[in-house]
Amino acid sequence: MREAAAIELIRLKVHPHAREDRLERRGAAHYEAWVRARAERGLATAAALALLARELACPVKTLRVIKGATSPSKIVSRLDR
């Protein structure tokens, strides 16, 4: 029988079309990302998730946007295995 995976919820605020790609931690589970990608076709969200994955030292595929896919304020879940 498999063990249940732990899920961590993270608040992420994305600022698209910024001068540089950077990520700042604002709290225990709150991050703010500035990405050079534009807010179209999910490009800014994908870039922000890549920054977050690098910061958390986890693969991007373990991160999922569960709320706010088209909004600057997002709730992201991280699946720990």
C-alpha atoms as a PDB file:
ATOM      1  CA  MET A   1       0.000   0.000   0.000  1.00  0.00           C
ATOM      2  CA  ARG A   2       1.286   3.471  -0.898  1.00  0.00           C
ATOM      3  CA  GLU A   3       1.716   6.228   1.629  1.00  0.00           C
ATOM      4  CA  ALA A   4      -0.289   9.399   1.144  1.00  0.00           C
ATOM      5  CA  ALA A   5       1.745  12.254  -0.298  1.00  0.00           C
ATOM      6  CA  ALA A   6       1.889  15.496   1.652  1.00  0.00           C
ATOM      7  CA  ILE A   7       0.557  18.605  -0.063  1.00  0.00           C
ATOM      8  CA  GLU A   8       1.930  22.056   0.714  1.00  0.00           C
ATOM      9  CA  LEU A   9       0.011  25.196  -0.317  1.00  0.00           C
ATOM     10  CA  ILE A  10       1.985  28.261  -1.438  1.00  0.00           C
ATOM     11  CA  ARG A  11       0.729  31.752  -2.251  1.00  0.00           C
ATOM     12  CA  LEU A  12       2.410  33.202  -5.332  1.00  0.00           C
ATOM     13  CA  LYS A  13       2.025  36.719  -6.714  1.00  0.00           C
ATOM     14  CA  VAL A  14       3.303  37.110 -10.296  1.00  0.00           C
ATOM     15  CA  HIS A  15       4.441  40.362 -11.913  1.00  0.00           C
ATOM     16  CA  PRO A  16       4.706  39.721 -15.677  1.00  0.00           C
ATOM     17  CA  HIS A  17       6.774  41.726 -18.174  1.00  0.00           C
ATOM     18  CA  ALA A  18       9.401  42.721 -15.589  1.00  0.00           C
ATOM     19  CA  ARG A  19      12.975  43.799 -16.284  1.00  0.00           C
ATOM     20  CA  GLU A  20      14.440  40.642 -14.771  1.00  0.00           C
ATOM     21  CA  ASP A  21      13.422  37.230 -13.493  1.00  0.00           C
ATOM     22  CA  ARG A  22      13.550  37.116  -9.688  1.00  0.00           C
ATOM     23  CA  LEU A  23      11.751  35.546  -6.775  1.00  0.00           C
ATOM     24  CA  GLU A  24      11.361  36.949  -3.256  1.00  0.00           C
ATOM     25  CA  ARG A  25      10.109  35.146  -0.208  1.00  0.00           C
ATOM     26  CA  ARG A  26       7.493  37.206   1.654  1.00  0.00           C
ATOM     27  CA  GLY A  27       6.518  34.729   4.342  1.00  0.00           C
ATOM     28  CA  ALA A  28       6.570  31.086   5.337  1.00  0.00           C
ATOM     29  CA  ALA A  29       4.515  30.018   2.295  1.00  0.00           C
ATOM     30  CA  HIS A  30       4.257  33.273   0.356  1.00  0.00           C
ATOM     31  CA  TYR A  31       6.419  34.250  -2.622  1.00  0.00           C
ATOM     32  CA  GLU A  32       6.429  37.090  -5.119  1.00  0.00           C
ATOM     33  CA  ALA A  33       7.850  36.557  -8.617  1.00  0.00           C
ATOM     34  CA  TRP A  34       8.888  39.067 -11.258  1.00  0.00           C
ATOM     35  CA  VAL A  35       9.213  37.453 -14.689  1.00  0.00           C
ATOM     36  CA  ARG A  36      10.201  38.830 -18.075  1.00  0.00           C
ATOM     37  CA  ALA A  37       7.564  36.745 -19.840  1.00  0.00           C
ATOM     38  CA  ARG A  38       4.321  38.385 -20.862  1.00  0.00           C
ATOM     39  CA  ALA A  39       0.977  37.443 -19.325  1.00  0.00           C
ATOM     40  CA  GLU A  40      -0.319  35.614 -22.374  1.00  0.00           C
ATOM     41  CA  ARG A  41      -0.882  31.911 -23.080  1.00  0.00           C
ATOM     42  CA  GLY A  42       0.334  31.049 -19.577  1.00  0.00           C
ATOM     43  CA  LEU A  43       3.914  32.121 -20.299  1.00  0.00           C
ATOM     44  CA  ALA A  44       4.292  34.243 -17.145  1.00  0.00           C
ATOM     45  CA  THR A  45       2.794  31.504 -14.974  1.00  0.00           C
ATOM     46  CA  ALA A  46       5.159  28.890 -16.420  1.00  0.00           C
ATOM     47  CA  ALA A  47       8.168  31.160 -15.844  1.00  0.00           C
ATOM     48  CA  ALA A  48       7.082  31.873 -12.259  1.00  0.00           C
ATOM     49  CA  LEU A  49       6.616  28.156 -11.542  1.00  0.00           C
ATOM     50  CA  ALA A  50      10.113  27.482 -12.891  1.00  0.00           C
ATOM     51  CA  LEU A  51      11.574  30.099 -10.531  1.00  0.00           C
ATOM     52  CA  LEU A  52       9.610  28.666  -7.607  1.00  0.00           C
ATOM     53  CA  ALA A  53      10.730  25.114  -8.407  1.00  0.00           C
ATOM     54  CA  ARG A  54      14.366  26.215  -8.473  1.00  0.00           C
ATOM     55  CA  GLU A  55      13.940  27.976  -5.108  1.00  0.00           C
ATOM     56  CA  LEU A  56      12.257  24.947  -3.519  1.00  0.00           C
ATOM     57  CA  ALA A  57      14.712  22.496  -5.156  1.00  0.00           C
ATOM     58  CA  CYS A  58      11.911  20.379  -6.595  1.00  0.00           C
ATOM     59  CA  PRO A  59      10.847  19.430 -10.129  1.00  0.00           C
ATOM     60  CA  VAL A  60       8.380  21.770 -11.840  1.00  0.00           C
ATOM     61  CA  LYS A  61       6.015  18.840 -12.389  1.00  0.00           C
ATOM     62  CA  THR A  62       5.396  18.636  -8.614  1.00  0.00           C
ATOM     63  CA  LEU A  63       3.897  22.154  -8.652  1.00  0.00           C
ATOM     64  CA  ARG A  64       0.277  22.778  -9.687  1.00  0.00           C
ATOM     65  CA  VAL A  65      -1.721  26.007  -9.852  1.00  0.00           C
ATOM     66  CA  ILE A  66      -4.936  25.197  -8.025  1.00  0.00           C
ATOM     67  CA  LYS A  67      -6.416  28.705  -7.966  1.00  0.00           C
ATOM     68  CA  GLY A  68      -5.766  31.824 -10.018  1.00  0.00           C
ATOM     69  CA  ALA A  69      -4.445  30.396 -13.280  1.00  0.00           C
ATOM     70  CA  THR A  70      -5.276  33.640 -15.127  1.00  0.00           C
ATOM     71  CA  SER A  71      -4.830  35.960 -12.138  1.00  0.00           C
ATOM     72  CA  PRO A  72      -1.630  37.530 -10.786  1.00  0.00           C
ATOM     73  CA  SER A  73      -2.386  36.070  -7.326  1.00  0.00           C
ATOM     74  CA  LYS A  74      -2.166  32.291  -7.336  1.00  0.00           C
ATOM     75  CA  ILE A  75      -2.394  29.374  -4.950  1.00  0.00           C
ATOM     76  CA  VAL A  76       0.119  26.678  -5.874  1.00  0.00           C
ATOM     77  CA  SER A  77       0.217  23.180  -4.439  1.00  0.00           C
ATOM     78  CA  ARG A  78       3.457  21.294  -4.008  1.00  0.00           C
ATOM     79  CA  LEU A  79       3.231  17.540  -3.891  1.00  0.00           C
ATOM     80  CA  ASP A  80       5.901  16.011  -1.634  1.00  0.00           C
ATOM     81  CA  ARG A  81       6.705  12.380  -2.224  1.00  0.00           C
END
